């Protein structure tokens, strides 16, 4: 990982090499005291731990312990072992990171972005006892669990036509090359597809640098996974208090996905729709993401009893009032 994409600016941390069940080496970094409230952050496709720098800085400043890891094949982690690039592999990786970095007897708030959230859902289904024992609450940001190519609004199409074009969309997604250096067209495409028109130039440049640094095997391997992803049946097994956050102008995983998740998750704390934000919400909408993490840390510390299917921390959400999850055109 280049110095530009490191987390050295947040102060001294501890680096761990963790081996997943199939032998994949995972780069893990921790910040803050072992006895502090803990948050584990899991980034998305073509990113790295540096993706979370705005969250790590804020959390460490508030005295929170932070665990970040590079997904297999990304950043400073090694290439995928025999389990390959699959949701099951991401779930097992997350399990090993938790056991290696979380002190015995403690729980963490788990947060994921895009593919990181997909790994969280797979973890809940594959390791349900660990989910209940190790995770106190969760933040799911800017993600979907099925029909990713069909529901994408990068090239807006009516849903029936999008379904007909699915084979072409899948091939383009799996191809997904990266340039050696940012070009004007890449700048425009990244801002349009991954962010939105309100994104700053610094945020666009940062995201391009992250995406271009992703090794080709992980880029193509996970792209193929995403084209056929279907974790819908596993969402109901993610039984911890959860906030779902998404941008209203997310073209990669439109707000339709977030609303569908809220219909199925067992313990919904809140649905946060960030007006005008694109897909890279932890970068573009760090204030809202950081605030959501703060709420979950407070919620975890309070240790509330009972299920939270339709009750927010402040009692403001009623799932019956969430808009119908129709195809979005934003």
C-alpha atoms as a PDB file:
ATOM      1  CA  UNK A   1       0.000   0.000   0.000  1.00  0.00           C
ATOM      2  CA  UNK A   2       1.371   3.411  -0.907  1.00  0.00           C
ATOM      3  CA  UNK A   3       1.971   6.048   1.732  1.00  0.00           C
ATOM      4  CA  UNK A   4      -0.809   8.092   0.165  1.00  0.00           C
ATOM      5  CA  UNK A   5      -3.309   5.324   0.906  1.00  0.00           C
ATOM      6  CA  UNK A   6      -2.165   4.449   4.407  1.00  0.00           C
ATOM      7  CA  UNK A   7      -3.798   5.252   7.735  1.00  0.00           C
ATOM      8  CA  UNK A   8      -0.603   6.538   9.342  1.00  0.00           C
ATOM      9  CA  UNK A   9      -2.159   9.972   9.790  1.00  0.00           C
ATOM     10  CA  UNK A  10      -4.461   8.716  12.557  1.00  0.00           C
ATOM     11  CA  UNK A  11      -1.599   7.845  14.910  1.00  0.00           C
ATOM     12  CA  UNK A  12       0.203   4.644  15.876  1.00  0.00           C
ATOM     13  CA  UNK A  13      -1.640   1.399  15.387  1.00  0.00           C
ATOM     14  CA  UNK A  14      -0.972  -2.322  15.495  1.00  0.00           C
ATOM     15  CA  UNK A  15      -0.663  -4.409  12.349  1.00  0.00           C
ATOM     16  CA  UNK A  16      -1.620  -8.078  12.308  1.00  0.00           C
ATOM     17  CA  UNK A  17      -1.253 -10.772   9.685  1.00  0.00           C
ATOM     18  CA  UNK A  18      -4.275 -13.044   9.968  1.00  0.00           C
ATOM     19  CA  UNK A  19      -4.750 -16.315   8.106  1.00  0.00           C
ATOM     20  CA  UNK A  20      -8.210 -17.207   6.904  1.00  0.00           C
ATOM     21  CA  UNK A  21      -9.531 -20.775   6.823  1.00  0.00           C
ATOM     22  CA  UNK A  22      -8.143 -21.366   3.315  1.00  0.00           C
ATOM     23  CA  UNK A  23      -4.765 -19.852   4.152  1.00  0.00           C
ATOM     24  CA  UNK A  24      -5.358 -16.405   2.630  1.00  0.00           C
ATOM     25  CA  UNK A  25      -3.224 -13.797   4.389  1.00  0.00           C
ATOM     26  CA  UNK A  26      -5.284 -10.830   5.584  1.00  0.00           C
ATOM     27  CA  UNK A  27      -3.840  -7.451   6.522  1.00  0.00           C
ATOM     28  CA  UNK A  28      -5.477  -6.169   9.736  1.00  0.00           C
ATOM     29  CA  UNK A  29      -4.776  -2.906  11.544  1.00  0.00           C
ATOM     30  CA  UNK A  30      -6.087  -1.813  14.946  1.00  0.00           C
ATOM     31  CA  UNK A  31      -6.159   1.602  16.584  1.00  0.00           C
ATOM     32  CA  UNK A  32      -7.040   2.637  20.127  1.00  0.00           C
ATOM     33  CA  UNK A  33      -7.010   0.888  23.524  1.00  0.00           C
ATOM     34  CA  UNK A  34      -8.197  -2.711  23.880  1.00  0.00           C
ATOM     35  CA  UNK A  35     -10.738  -1.815  26.565  1.00  0.00           C
ATOM     36  CA  UNK A  36     -12.521   0.901  24.527  1.00  0.00           C
ATOM     37  CA  UNK A  37     -15.777   0.446  22.579  1.00  0.00           C
ATOM     38  CA  UNK A  38     -14.802  -1.281  19.331  1.00  0.00           C
ATOM     39  CA  UNK A  39     -15.838  -0.779  15.702  1.00  0.00           C
ATOM     40  CA  UNK A  40     -14.792  -3.103  12.865  1.00  0.00           C
ATOM     41  CA  UNK A  41     -14.872  -1.568   9.384  1.00  0.00           C
ATOM     42  CA  UNK A  42     -15.090  -3.677   6.199  1.00  0.00           C
ATOM     43  CA  UNK A  43     -14.544  -1.904   2.867  1.00  0.00           C
ATOM     44  CA  UNK A  44     -15.976  -2.717  -0.544  1.00  0.00           C
ATOM     45  CA  UNK A  45     -14.855  -3.925  -3.960  1.00  0.00           C
ATOM     46  CA  UNK A  46     -11.653  -2.360  -5.394  1.00  0.00           C
ATOM     47  CA  UNK A  47     -10.955  -0.395  -2.197  1.00  0.00           C
ATOM     48  CA  UNK A  48      -8.714  -0.902   0.860  1.00  0.00           C
ATOM     49  CA  UNK A  49      -8.558   0.036   4.535  1.00  0.00           C
ATOM     50  CA  UNK A  50      -7.680   3.600   3.515  1.00  0.00           C
ATOM     51  CA  UNK A  51     -11.276   3.937   2.270  1.00  0.00           C
ATOM     52  CA  UNK A  52     -12.329   4.417   5.901  1.00  0.00           C
ATOM     53  CA  UNK A  53      -9.835   7.157   6.801  1.00  0.00           C
ATOM     54  CA  UNK A  54     -12.555   9.707   7.646  1.00  0.00           C
ATOM     55  CA  UNK A  55     -14.230   7.243   9.999  1.00  0.00           C
ATOM     56  CA  UNK A  56     -10.985   6.033  11.602  1.00  0.00           C
ATOM     57  CA  UNK A  57      -9.845   9.589  12.318  1.00  0.00           C
ATOM     58  CA  UNK A  58     -13.161  10.529  13.933  1.00  0.00           C
ATOM     59  CA  UNK A  59     -13.530   7.312  15.934  1.00  0.00           C
ATOM     60  CA  UNK A  60      -9.964   7.337  17.262  1.00  0.00           C
ATOM     61  CA  UNK A  61     -10.389  10.987  18.282  1.00  0.00           C
ATOM     62  CA  UNK A  62     -13.452   9.924  20.295  1.00  0.00           C
ATOM     63  CA  UNK A  63     -11.523   7.205  22.119  1.00  0.00           C
ATOM     64  CA  UNK A  64     -12.994   4.297  20.160  1.00  0.00           C
ATOM     65  CA  UNK A  65     -10.985   1.202  19.241  1.00  0.00           C
ATOM     66  CA  UNK A  66     -11.050   0.588  15.480  1.00  0.00           C
ATOM     67  CA  UNK A  67     -10.299  -2.592  13.565  1.00  0.00           C
ATOM     68  CA  UNK A  68      -9.835  -2.319   9.799  1.00  0.00           C
ATOM     69  CA  UNK A  69      -8.809  -5.018   7.351  1.00  0.00           C
ATOM     70  CA  UNK A  70      -8.046  -5.314   3.673  1.00  0.00           C
ATOM     71  CA  UNK A  71     -10.396  -7.783   2.016  1.00  0.00           C
ATOM     72  CA  UNK A  72      -8.715 -10.762   0.368  1.00  0.00           C
ATOM     73  CA  UNK A  73      -6.838  -9.697  -2.746  1.00  0.00           C
ATOM     74  CA  UNK A  74      -7.107  -6.009  -1.833  1.00  0.00           C
ATOM     75  CA  UNK A  75      -4.628  -3.544  -0.351  1.00  0.00           C
ATOM     76  CA  UNK A  76      -1.891  -5.283   1.646  1.00  0.00           C
ATOM     77  CA  UNK A  77      -3.756  -8.596   1.935  1.00  0.00           C
ATOM     78  CA  UNK A  78      -2.611 -11.574  -0.091  1.00  0.00           C
ATOM     79  CA  UNK A  79      -4.324 -13.083  -3.134  1.00  0.00           C
ATOM     80  CA  UNK A  80      -7.245 -15.407  -2.515  1.00  0.00           C
ATOM     81  CA  UNK A  81      -6.552 -18.984  -1.486  1.00  0.00           C
ATOM     82  CA  UNK A  82      -8.556 -22.041  -2.617  1.00  0.00           C
ATOM     83  CA  UNK A  83     -11.890 -20.557  -1.420  1.00  0.00           C
ATOM     84  CA  UNK A  84     -11.526 -17.924  -4.118  1.00  0.00           C
ATOM     85  CA  UNK A  85     -13.577 -14.757  -4.399  1.00  0.00           C
ATOM     86  CA  UNK A  86     -16.929 -15.704  -2.899  1.00  0.00           C
ATOM     87  CA  UNK A  87     -19.339 -14.460  -0.216  1.00  0.00           C
ATOM     88  CA  UNK A  88     -18.515 -17.542   1.842  1.00  0.00           C
ATOM     89  CA  UNK A  89     -14.815 -16.685   1.735  1.00  0.00           C
ATOM     90  CA  UNK A  90     -15.549 -13.112   2.860  1.00  0.00           C
ATOM     91  CA  UNK A  91     -17.636 -14.491   5.732  1.00  0.00           C
ATOM     92  CA  UNK A  92     -14.851 -16.797   6.882  1.00  0.00           C
ATOM     93  CA  UNK A  93     -12.299 -13.983   6.559  1.00  0.00           C
ATOM     94  CA  UNK A  94     -14.423 -11.745   8.769  1.00  0.00           C
ATOM     95  CA  UNK A  95     -14.716 -14.501  11.351  1.00  0.00           C
ATOM     96  CA  UNK A  96     -10.943 -14.917  11.550  1.00  0.00           C
ATOM     97  CA  UNK A  97     -10.363 -11.150  11.775  1.00  0.00           C
ATOM     98  CA  UNK A  98     -12.783 -10.921  14.701  1.00  0.00           C
ATOM     99  CA  UNK A  99     -11.112 -13.760  16.578  1.00  0.00           C
ATOM    100  CA  UNK A 100      -7.646 -12.327  15.973  1.00  0.00           C
ATOM    101  CA  UNK A 101      -8.309  -8.656  16.746  1.00  0.00           C
ATOM    102  CA  UNK A 102     -11.213  -8.599  19.208  1.00  0.00           C
ATOM    103  CA  UNK A 103     -10.177  -9.095  22.852  1.00  0.00           C
ATOM    104  CA  UNK A 104     -11.837 -12.092  24.573  1.00  0.00           C
ATOM    105  CA  UNK A 105     -15.229 -11.359  26.033  1.00  0.00           C
ATOM    106  CA  UNK A 106     -15.780  -8.172  24.047  1.00  0.00           C
ATOM    107  CA  UNK A 107     -18.150  -7.247  21.221  1.00  0.00           C
ATOM    108  CA  UNK A 108     -17.804  -4.919  18.258  1.00  0.00           C
ATOM    109  CA  UNK A 109     -20.036  -2.678  16.195  1.00  0.00           C
ATOM    110  CA  UNK A 110     -19.675  -4.045  12.668  1.00  0.00           C
ATOM    111  CA  UNK A 111     -19.810  -1.671   9.692  1.00  0.00           C
ATOM    112  CA  UNK A 112     -19.545  -2.463   6.000  1.00  0.00           C
ATOM    113  CA  UNK A 113     -19.694  -0.638   2.717  1.00  0.00           C
ATOM    114  CA  UNK A 114     -20.994  -2.263  -0.472  1.00  0.00           C
ATOM    115  CA  UNK A 115     -19.213  -5.636  -0.827  1.00  0.00           C
ATOM    116  CA  UNK A 116     -18.070  -5.335   2.795  1.00  0.00           C
ATOM    117  CA  UNK A 117     -21.743  -5.367   3.813  1.00  0.00           C
ATOM    118  CA  UNK A 118     -22.355  -8.396   1.602  1.00  0.00           C
ATOM    119  CA  UNK A 119     -19.634 -10.199   3.527  1.00  0.00           C
ATOM    120  CA  UNK A 120     -21.349  -9.196   6.773  1.00  0.00           C
ATOM    121  CA  UNK A 121     -24.662 -10.718   5.682  1.00  0.00           C
ATOM    122  CA  UNK A 122     -22.897 -13.906   4.568  1.00  0.00           C
ATOM    123  CA  UNK A 123     -21.076 -13.984   7.924  1.00  0.00           C
ATOM    124  CA  UNK A 124     -24.388 -13.805   9.799  1.00  0.00           C
ATOM    125  CA  UNK A 125     -25.767 -16.771   7.875  1.00  0.00           C
ATOM    126  CA  UNK A 126     -22.570 -18.835   7.923  1.00  0.00           C
ATOM    127  CA  UNK A 127     -21.515 -18.063  11.511  1.00  0.00           C
ATOM    128  CA  UNK A 128     -24.758 -17.245  13.404  1.00  0.00           C
ATOM    129  CA  UNK A 129     -23.398 -18.065  16.860  1.00  0.00           C
ATOM    130  CA  UNK A 130     -20.403 -15.797  16.320  1.00  0.00           C
ATOM    131  CA  UNK A 131     -22.705 -13.042  15.076  1.00  0.00           C
ATOM    132  CA  UNK A 132     -24.709 -13.100  18.297  1.00  0.00           C
ATOM    133  CA  UNK A 133     -21.682 -13.489  20.546  1.00  0.00           C
ATOM    134  CA  UNK A 134     -19.251 -11.017  18.933  1.00  0.00           C
ATOM    135  CA  UNK A 135     -21.405  -8.328  17.282  1.00  0.00           C
ATOM    136  CA  UNK A 136     -23.438  -5.806  19.286  1.00  0.00           C
ATOM    137  CA  UNK A 137     -24.847  -3.771  16.359  1.00  0.00           C
ATOM    138  CA  UNK A 138     -24.205  -3.101  12.686  1.00  0.00           C
ATOM    139  CA  UNK A 139     -24.122  -0.379  10.041  1.00  0.00           C
ATOM    140  CA  UNK A 140     -24.851  -1.434   6.457  1.00  0.00           C
ATOM    141  CA  UNK A 141     -24.017   1.230   3.878  1.00  0.00           C
ATOM    142  CA  UNK A 142     -24.605   1.504   0.143  1.00  0.00           C
ATOM    143  CA  UNK A 143     -25.124  -2.113  -0.786  1.00  0.00           C
ATOM    144  CA  UNK A 144     -27.419  -4.667  -2.363  1.00  0.00           C
ATOM    145  CA  UNK A 145     -27.879  -8.398  -2.002  1.00  0.00           C
ATOM    146  CA  UNK A 146     -29.124  -9.417  -5.437  1.00  0.00           C
ATOM    147  CA  UNK A 147     -29.937  -8.106  -8.954  1.00  0.00           C
ATOM    148  CA  UNK A 148     -26.966  -5.735  -8.830  1.00  0.00           C
ATOM    149  CA  UNK A 149     -26.538  -5.372 -12.592  1.00  0.00           C
ATOM    150  CA  UNK A 150     -30.273  -5.237 -13.268  1.00  0.00           C
ATOM    151  CA  UNK A 151     -30.991  -2.550 -10.681  1.00  0.00           C
ATOM    152  CA  UNK A 152     -27.939  -0.429 -11.467  1.00  0.00           C
ATOM    153  CA  UNK A 153     -28.734   3.066 -12.718  1.00  0.00           C
ATOM    154  CA  UNK A 154     -25.331   3.774 -14.276  1.00  0.00           C
ATOM    155  CA  UNK A 155     -27.080   3.291 -17.615  1.00  0.00           C
ATOM    156  CA  UNK A 156     -30.744   3.926 -16.751  1.00  0.00           C
ATOM    157  CA  UNK A 157     -33.026   1.399 -18.402  1.00  0.00           C
ATOM    158  CA  UNK A 158     -36.602   0.340 -17.719  1.00  0.00           C
ATOM    159  CA  UNK A 159     -36.527  -2.770 -15.559  1.00  0.00           C
ATOM    160  CA  UNK A 160     -37.783  -5.208 -18.254  1.00  0.00           C
ATOM    161  CA  UNK A 161     -35.134  -3.957 -20.698  1.00  0.00           C
ATOM    162  CA  UNK A 162     -32.456  -4.071 -17.994  1.00  0.00           C
ATOM    163  CA  UNK A 163     -33.278  -7.733 -17.393  1.00  0.00           C
ATOM    164  CA  UNK A 164     -32.954  -8.465 -21.106  1.00  0.00           C
ATOM    165  CA  UNK A 165     -29.575  -6.703 -21.116  1.00  0.00           C
ATOM    166  CA  UNK A 166     -28.321  -8.589 -18.057  1.00  0.00           C
ATOM    167  CA  UNK A 167     -25.793 -10.782 -19.955  1.00  0.00           C
ATOM    168  CA  UNK A 168     -24.133  -7.685 -21.433  1.00  0.00           C
ATOM    169  CA  UNK A 169     -24.146  -5.886 -18.065  1.00  0.00           C
ATOM    170  CA  UNK A 170     -22.584  -8.911 -16.391  1.00  0.00           C
ATOM    171  CA  UNK A 171     -19.768  -9.107 -18.946  1.00  0.00           C
ATOM    172  CA  UNK A 172     -18.989  -5.400 -18.636  1.00  0.00           C
ATOM    173  CA  UNK A 173     -18.948  -5.617 -14.842  1.00  0.00           C
ATOM    174  CA  UNK A 174     -16.638  -8.630 -14.834  1.00  0.00           C
ATOM    175  CA  UNK A 175     -14.275  -6.936 -17.309  1.00  0.00           C
ATOM    176  CA  UNK A 176     -13.928  -3.752 -15.236  1.00  0.00           C
ATOM    177  CA  UNK A 177     -10.344  -2.664 -16.121  1.00  0.00           C
ATOM    178  CA  UNK A 178      -8.406   0.001 -14.261  1.00  0.00           C
ATOM    179  CA  UNK A 179      -6.194   2.611 -15.863  1.00  0.00           C
ATOM    180  CA  UNK A 180      -2.601   3.210 -14.856  1.00  0.00           C
ATOM    181  CA  UNK A 181      -3.334   6.862 -14.189  1.00  0.00           C
ATOM    182  CA  UNK A 182      -6.508   8.943 -13.993  1.00  0.00           C
ATOM    183  CA  UNK A 183      -7.781  10.274 -17.294  1.00  0.00           C
ATOM    184  CA  UNK A 184     -10.420  12.919 -17.862  1.00  0.00           C
ATOM    185  CA  UNK A 185     -12.920  10.254 -18.889  1.00  0.00           C
ATOM    186  CA  UNK A 186     -12.143   8.154 -15.804  1.00  0.00           C
ATOM    187  CA  UNK A 187     -12.638  11.229 -13.629  1.00  0.00           C
ATOM    188  CA  UNK A 188     -16.051  11.862 -15.152  1.00  0.00           C
ATOM    189  CA  UNK A 189     -17.097   8.212 -15.028  1.00  0.00           C
ATOM    190  CA  UNK A 190     -16.012   7.787 -11.397  1.00  0.00           C
ATOM    191  CA  UNK A 191     -17.817  10.919 -10.261  1.00  0.00           C
ATOM    192  CA  UNK A 192     -20.953   9.915 -12.136  1.00  0.00           C
ATOM    193  CA  UNK A 193     -21.029   6.193 -11.292  1.00  0.00           C
ATOM    194  CA  UNK A 194     -19.389   5.962  -7.853  1.00  0.00           C
ATOM    195  CA  UNK A 195     -20.157   9.372  -6.350  1.00  0.00           C
ATOM    196  CA  UNK A 196     -22.532  12.104  -7.530  1.00  0.00           C
ATOM    197  CA  UNK A 197     -22.473  15.653  -8.841  1.00  0.00           C
ATOM    198  CA  UNK A 198     -22.117  17.063  -5.306  1.00  0.00           C
ATOM    199  CA  UNK A 199     -18.830  15.204  -4.660  1.00  0.00           C
ATOM    200  CA  UNK A 200     -15.706  17.306  -4.161  1.00  0.00           C
ATOM    201  CA  UNK A 201     -12.715  17.060  -6.458  1.00  0.00           C
ATOM    202  CA  UNK A 202     -10.661  15.672  -3.575  1.00  0.00           C
ATOM    203  CA  UNK A 203     -13.184  12.876  -2.980  1.00  0.00           C
ATOM    204  CA  UNK A 204     -13.216  11.941  -6.677  1.00  0.00           C
ATOM    205  CA  UNK A 205      -9.414  11.871  -6.871  1.00  0.00           C
ATOM    206  CA  UNK A 206      -9.199   9.792  -3.691  1.00  0.00           C
ATOM    207  CA  UNK A 207     -11.680   7.202  -5.003  1.00  0.00           C
ATOM    208  CA  UNK A 208      -9.894   6.957  -8.364  1.00  0.00           C
ATOM    209  CA  UNK A 209      -6.580   6.352  -6.585  1.00  0.00           C
ATOM    210  CA  UNK A 210      -8.139   3.596  -4.478  1.00  0.00           C
ATOM    211  CA  UNK A 211      -9.805   1.903  -7.444  1.00  0.00           C
ATOM    212  CA  UNK A 212      -6.686   2.016  -9.612  1.00  0.00           C
ATOM    213  CA  UNK A 213      -4.598   0.458  -6.823  1.00  0.00           C
ATOM    214  CA  UNK A 214      -6.774  -2.675  -6.673  1.00  0.00           C
ATOM    215  CA  UNK A 215      -4.916  -5.780  -7.966  1.00  0.00           C
ATOM    216  CA  UNK A 216      -6.393  -7.263 -11.137  1.00  0.00           C
ATOM    217  CA  UNK A 217      -7.196 -10.768  -9.767  1.00  0.00           C
ATOM    218  CA  UNK A 218      -9.378  -9.365  -6.984  1.00  0.00           C
ATOM    219  CA  UNK A 219     -10.982  -6.860  -9.346  1.00  0.00           C
ATOM    220  CA  UNK A 220     -12.062  -9.490 -11.863  1.00  0.00           C
ATOM    221  CA  UNK A 221     -12.664 -12.326  -9.404  1.00  0.00           C
ATOM    222  CA  UNK A 222     -15.060 -10.373  -7.223  1.00  0.00           C
ATOM    223  CA  UNK A 223     -16.665  -8.724 -10.266  1.00  0.00           C
ATOM    224  CA  UNK A 224     -17.749 -12.164 -11.444  1.00  0.00           C
ATOM    225  CA  UNK A 225     -19.112 -12.890  -7.963  1.00  0.00           C
ATOM    226  CA  UNK A 226     -21.119  -9.669  -7.949  1.00  0.00           C
ATOM    227  CA  UNK A 227     -22.777 -10.438 -11.296  1.00  0.00           C
ATOM    228  CA  UNK A 228     -24.389 -13.575  -9.860  1.00  0.00           C
ATOM    229  CA  UNK A 229     -24.773 -12.542  -6.224  1.00  0.00           C
ATOM    230  CA  UNK A 230     -27.976 -13.508  -4.432  1.00  0.00           C
ATOM    231  CA  UNK A 231     -27.920 -13.270  -0.635  1.00  0.00           C
ATOM    232  CA  UNK A 232     -31.584 -12.344  -0.261  1.00  0.00           C
ATOM    233  CA  UNK A 233     -32.421 -15.468   1.744  1.00  0.00           C
ATOM    234  CA  UNK A 234     -29.608 -14.732   4.206  1.00  0.00           C
ATOM    235  CA  UNK A 235     -30.642 -11.198   5.199  1.00  0.00           C
ATOM    236  CA  UNK A 236     -33.226 -12.393   7.745  1.00  0.00           C
ATOM    237  CA  UNK A 237     -30.473 -14.259   9.621  1.00  0.00           C
ATOM    238  CA  UNK A 238     -28.553 -11.042  10.357  1.00  0.00           C
ATOM    239  CA  UNK A 239     -30.223 -10.679  13.722  1.00  0.00           C
ATOM    240  CA  UNK A 240     -28.509  -7.714  15.404  1.00  0.00           C
ATOM    241  CA  UNK A 241     -29.627  -4.056  15.743  1.00  0.00           C
ATOM    242  CA  UNK A 242     -28.839  -2.517  12.361  1.00  0.00           C
ATOM    243  CA  UNK A 243     -28.809   0.899  10.724  1.00  0.00           C
ATOM    244  CA  UNK A 244     -29.076   0.930   6.926  1.00  0.00           C
ATOM    245  CA  UNK A 245     -27.625   3.999   5.190  1.00  0.00           C
ATOM    246  CA  UNK A 246     -27.604   4.834   1.481  1.00  0.00           C
ATOM    247  CA  UNK A 247     -27.383   7.781  -0.882  1.00  0.00           C
ATOM    248  CA  UNK A 248     -30.436   8.804  -2.859  1.00  0.00           C
ATOM    249  CA  UNK A 249     -28.266   9.237  -5.974  1.00  0.00           C
ATOM    250  CA  UNK A 250     -26.389   5.933  -5.693  1.00  0.00           C
ATOM    251  CA  UNK A 251     -26.283   4.589  -9.239  1.00  0.00           C
ATOM    252  CA  UNK A 252     -24.387   1.379  -8.473  1.00  0.00           C
ATOM    253  CA  UNK A 253     -26.685   0.136  -5.692  1.00  0.00           C
ATOM    254  CA  UNK A 254     -29.766   2.366  -5.891  1.00  0.00           C
ATOM    255  CA  UNK A 255     -31.894   3.199  -2.854  1.00  0.00           C
ATOM    256  CA  UNK A 256     -34.226   0.346  -3.867  1.00  0.00           C
ATOM    257  CA  UNK A 257     -31.744  -2.067  -2.280  1.00  0.00           C
ATOM    258  CA  UNK A 258     -31.636  -0.227   1.063  1.00  0.00           C
ATOM    259  CA  UNK A 259     -35.421  -0.150   1.325  1.00  0.00           C
ATOM    260  CA  UNK A 260     -35.617  -3.837   0.504  1.00  0.00           C
ATOM    261  CA  UNK A 261     -33.039  -4.637   3.199  1.00  0.00           C
ATOM    262  CA  UNK A 262     -35.074  -2.760   5.800  1.00  0.00           C
ATOM    263  CA  UNK A 263     -38.111  -4.867   4.946  1.00  0.00           C
ATOM    264  CA  UNK A 264     -36.231  -8.070   5.800  1.00  0.00           C
ATOM    265  CA  UNK A 265     -33.640  -7.346   8.497  1.00  0.00           C
ATOM    266  CA  UNK A 266     -34.881  -8.605  11.896  1.00  0.00           C
ATOM    267  CA  UNK A 267     -33.758  -5.613  14.002  1.00  0.00           C
ATOM    268  CA  UNK A 268     -33.932  -2.305  12.160  1.00  0.00           C
ATOM    269  CA  UNK A 269     -32.737   0.693  14.137  1.00  0.00           C
ATOM    270  CA  UNK A 270     -33.060   3.221  11.302  1.00  0.00           C
ATOM    271  CA  UNK A 271     -33.033   3.772   7.563  1.00  0.00           C
ATOM    272  CA  UNK A 272     -30.951   6.832   6.649  1.00  0.00           C
ATOM    273  CA  UNK A 273     -31.293   8.157   3.106  1.00  0.00           C
ATOM    274  CA  UNK A 274     -28.596  10.759   2.428  1.00  0.00           C
ATOM    275  CA  UNK A 275     -29.993  13.256  -0.070  1.00  0.00           C
ATOM    276  CA  UNK A 276     -27.847  13.714  -3.169  1.00  0.00           C
ATOM    277  CA  UNK A 277     -25.133  11.251  -2.130  1.00  0.00           C
ATOM    278  CA  UNK A 278     -23.711   8.598  -4.413  1.00  0.00           C
ATOM    279  CA  UNK A 279     -22.299   5.138  -3.745  1.00  0.00           C
ATOM    280  CA  UNK A 280     -19.153   6.059  -1.782  1.00  0.00           C
ATOM    281  CA  UNK A 281     -21.042   7.343   1.272  1.00  0.00           C
ATOM    282  CA  UNK A 282     -18.239   6.903   3.860  1.00  0.00           C
ATOM    283  CA  UNK A 283     -16.140   9.251   1.706  1.00  0.00           C
ATOM    284  CA  UNK A 284     -18.768  11.633   0.322  1.00  0.00           C
ATOM    285  CA  UNK A 285     -21.109  11.616   3.354  1.00  0.00           C
ATOM    286  CA  UNK A 286     -18.710  11.003   6.226  1.00  0.00           C
ATOM    287  CA  UNK A 287     -20.679  13.220   8.632  1.00  0.00           C
ATOM    288  CA  UNK A 288     -23.791  11.063   8.309  1.00  0.00           C
ATOM    289  CA  UNK A 289     -21.832   7.797   8.435  1.00  0.00           C
ATOM    290  CA  UNK A 290     -19.852   8.887  11.498  1.00  0.00           C
ATOM    291  CA  UNK A 291     -23.035   9.977  13.262  1.00  0.00           C
ATOM    292  CA  UNK A 292     -24.653   6.595  12.546  1.00  0.00           C
ATOM    293  CA  UNK A 293     -21.625   4.807  14.005  1.00  0.00           C
ATOM    294  CA  UNK A 294     -21.832   7.033  17.084  1.00  0.00           C
ATOM    295  CA  UNK A 295     -25.487   6.099  17.581  1.00  0.00           C
ATOM    296  CA  UNK A 296     -24.677   2.402  17.372  1.00  0.00           C
ATOM    297  CA  UNK A 297     -21.816   2.716  19.847  1.00  0.00           C
ATOM    298  CA  UNK A 298     -24.177   4.427  22.306  1.00  0.00           C
ATOM    299  CA  UNK A 299     -26.841   1.804  21.643  1.00  0.00           C
ATOM    300  CA  UNK A 300     -24.354  -0.993  22.292  1.00  0.00           C
ATOM    301  CA  UNK A 301     -23.175   0.610  25.516  1.00  0.00           C
ATOM    302  CA  UNK A 302     -26.778   0.921  26.748  1.00  0.00           C
ATOM    303  CA  UNK A 303     -27.388  -2.809  26.102  1.00  0.00           C
ATOM    304  CA  UNK A 304     -31.131  -2.493  25.383  1.00  0.00           C
ATOM    305  CA  UNK A 305     -33.383  -5.499  25.727  1.00  0.00           C
ATOM    306  CA  UNK A 306     -35.935  -6.839  23.289  1.00  0.00           C
ATOM    307  CA  UNK A 307     -36.125  -6.843  19.520  1.00  0.00           C
ATOM    308  CA  UNK A 308     -36.001  -3.674  17.448  1.00  0.00           C
ATOM    309  CA  UNK A 309     -37.733  -4.629  14.209  1.00  0.00           C
ATOM    310  CA  UNK A 310     -39.490  -1.289  13.731  1.00  0.00           C
ATOM    311  CA  UNK A 311     -38.202   0.972  16.464  1.00  0.00           C
ATOM    312  CA  UNK A 312     -35.409   3.486  16.087  1.00  0.00           C
ATOM    313  CA  UNK A 313     -33.293   4.762  18.947  1.00  0.00           C
ATOM    314  CA  UNK A 314     -35.543   7.819  19.077  1.00  0.00           C
ATOM    315  CA  UNK A 315     -38.687   5.913  18.065  1.00  0.00           C
ATOM    316  CA  UNK A 316     -38.885   7.764  14.756  1.00  0.00           C
ATOM    317  CA  UNK A 317     -39.027   4.917  12.259  1.00  0.00           C
ATOM    318  CA  UNK A 318     -42.016   2.819  11.335  1.00  0.00           C
ATOM    319  CA  UNK A 319     -41.245   0.205   8.714  1.00  0.00           C
ATOM    320  CA  UNK A 320     -44.802   0.452   7.395  1.00  0.00           C
ATOM    321  CA  UNK A 321     -44.069   4.037   6.358  1.00  0.00           C
ATOM    322  CA  UNK A 322     -40.988   3.189   4.268  1.00  0.00           C
ATOM    323  CA  UNK A 323     -41.672   3.841   0.564  1.00  0.00           C
ATOM    324  CA  UNK A 324     -42.543   0.913  -1.648  1.00  0.00           C
ATOM    325  CA  UNK A 325     -39.306  -0.603  -3.006  1.00  0.00           C
ATOM    326  CA  UNK A 326     -39.974   0.125  -6.664  1.00  0.00           C
ATOM    327  CA  UNK A 327     -37.263   0.574  -9.274  1.00  0.00           C
ATOM    328  CA  UNK A 328     -35.595   3.960  -8.688  1.00  0.00           C
ATOM    329  CA  UNK A 329     -34.643   6.353 -11.463  1.00  0.00           C
ATOM    330  CA  UNK A 330     -32.297   8.705  -9.583  1.00  0.00           C
END
